[in-house]
Amino acid sequence: MTDDINVISNPDDRKKFKALLVEITNCMLKIDAERDLMKEIVDAGKSEFEVQPKLIRKLASTMYKQNYADVQAENEHFEYLYEALVNGKKD
């Protein structure tokens, strides 16, 4: 079982690897902080403009990814399937 585990035995390499882990955890802390800030911004948007947080996040995500056409096509496909399968609507 321990045959497939790579143990870093060189002390200098261990220090370098630990520094790598510290750097990653620092990035994770930044990500957590940014997520908290985004939540505060979304909550402010909900309070000030009475827009649902889900919609604010979707708008921001679409703007960030610049994939409006893809989102629009997906929504059209969803609407078509819903109407056909749930409501029994035919073309």
Protein backbone atom coordinates (compact mmCIF):
# COMPACT_ATOMS: atom_id res chain seq x y z
CA MET A 1 0.00 0.00 0.00
CA THR A 2 2.84 2.42 0.78
CA ASP A 3 4.56 1.45 -2.48
CA ASP A 4 2.47 3.93 -4.44
CA ILE A 5 3.00 6.82 -2.00
CA ASN A 6 5.85 9.17 -2.86
CA VAL A 7 7.45 10.28 0.40
CA ILE A 8 9.69 13.28 -0.01
CA SER A 9 12.80 12.31 1.89
CA ASN A 10 15.17 15.16 1.05
CA PRO A 11 14.89 17.83 3.80
CA ASP A 12 15.28 20.71 1.32
CA ASP A 13 12.57 19.25 -0.91
CA ARG A 14 10.29 18.86 2.11
CA LYS A 15 10.74 22.54 2.94
CA LYS A 16 10.01 23.51 -0.66
CA PHE A 17 6.94 21.30 -0.70
CA LYS A 18 5.68 22.70 2.59
CA ALA A 19 6.16 26.23 1.21
CA LEU A 20 4.09 25.17 -1.80
CA LEU A 21 1.31 23.98 0.52
CA VAL A 22 1.43 27.23 2.49
CA GLU A 23 1.12 29.19 -0.76
CA ILE A 24 -1.90 27.14 -1.80
CA THR A 25 -3.61 27.62 1.56
CA ASN A 26 -3.00 31.36 1.29
CA CYS A 27 -4.75 31.31 -2.08
CA MET A 28 -7.63 29.39 -0.51
CA LEU A 29 -7.96 32.07 2.17
CA LYS A 30 -8.15 34.74 -0.53
CA ILE A 31 -10.81 32.75 -2.38
CA ASP A 32 -12.86 32.42 0.82
CA ALA A 33 -12.59 36.15 1.44
CA GLU A 34 -13.68 36.94 -2.14
CA ARG A 35 -16.64 34.56 -1.81
CA ASP A 36 -17.70 36.35 1.36
CA LEU A 37 -17.40 39.69 -0.41
CA MET A 38 -19.44 38.46 -3.38
CA LYS A 39 -22.15 37.27 -1.00
CA GLU A 40 -22.26 40.72 0.60
CA ILE A 41 -22.51 42.36 -2.83
CA VAL A 42 -25.31 39.99 -3.89
CA ASP A 43 -27.17 40.67 -0.63
CA ALA A 44 -26.81 44.41 -1.23
CA GLY A 45 -28.20 43.99 -4.74
CA LYS A 46 -31.15 42.08 -3.35
CA SER A 47 -31.85 44.74 -0.73
CA GLU A 48 -31.41 47.76 -2.96
CA PHE A 49 -32.92 46.51 -6.21
CA GLU A 50 -35.17 43.65 -5.04
CA VAL A 51 -33.54 41.22 -7.49
CA GLN A 52 -33.26 37.59 -6.43
CA PRO A 53 -29.71 36.53 -5.48
CA LYS A 54 -29.90 33.56 -7.84
CA LEU A 55 -30.58 35.92 -10.74
CA ILE A 56 -27.83 38.34 -9.70
CA ARG A 57 -25.30 35.49 -9.58
CA LYS A 58 -26.44 34.15 -12.96
CA LEU A 59 -26.22 37.58 -14.56
CA ALA A 60 -22.75 38.15 -13.12
CA SER A 61 -21.57 34.69 -14.14
CA THR A 62 -22.86 35.15 -17.69
CA MET A 63 -21.23 38.56 -17.91
CA TYR A 64 -17.94 37.14 -16.58
CA LYS A 65 -17.92 34.12 -18.90
CA GLN A 66 -19.30 36.18 -21.81
CA ASN A 67 -21.53 33.27 -22.78
CA TYR A 68 -24.89 34.97 -23.18
CA ALA A 69 -25.60 33.18 -26.47
CA ASP A 70 -24.97 29.80 -24.83
CA VAL A 71 -27.21 30.63 -21.87
CA GLN A 72 -29.92 31.85 -24.21
CA ALA A 73 -29.76 28.68 -26.31
CA GLU A 74 -29.86 26.52 -23.18
CA ASN A 75 -32.93 28.37 -21.93
CA GLU A 76 -34.68 27.96 -25.28
CA HIS A 77 -33.91 24.24 -25.23
CA PHE A 78 -35.22 23.99 -21.66
CA GLU A 79 -38.44 25.82 -22.59
CA TYR A 80 -39.01 23.58 -25.62
CA LEU A 81 -38.46 20.38 -23.60
CA TYR A 82 -40.61 21.59 -20.72
CA GLU A 83 -43.49 22.53 -23.00
CA ALA A 84 -43.24 19.27 -24.93
CA LEU A 85 -42.75 16.89 -22.01
CA VAL A 86 -44.60 18.48 -19.11
CA ASN A 87 -47.35 20.42 -20.83
CA GLY A 88 -47.70 17.99 -23.74
CA LYS A 89 -47.45 20.84 -26.25
CA LYS A 90 -46.66 19.86 -29.84
CA ASP A 91 -44.97 21.94 -32.51
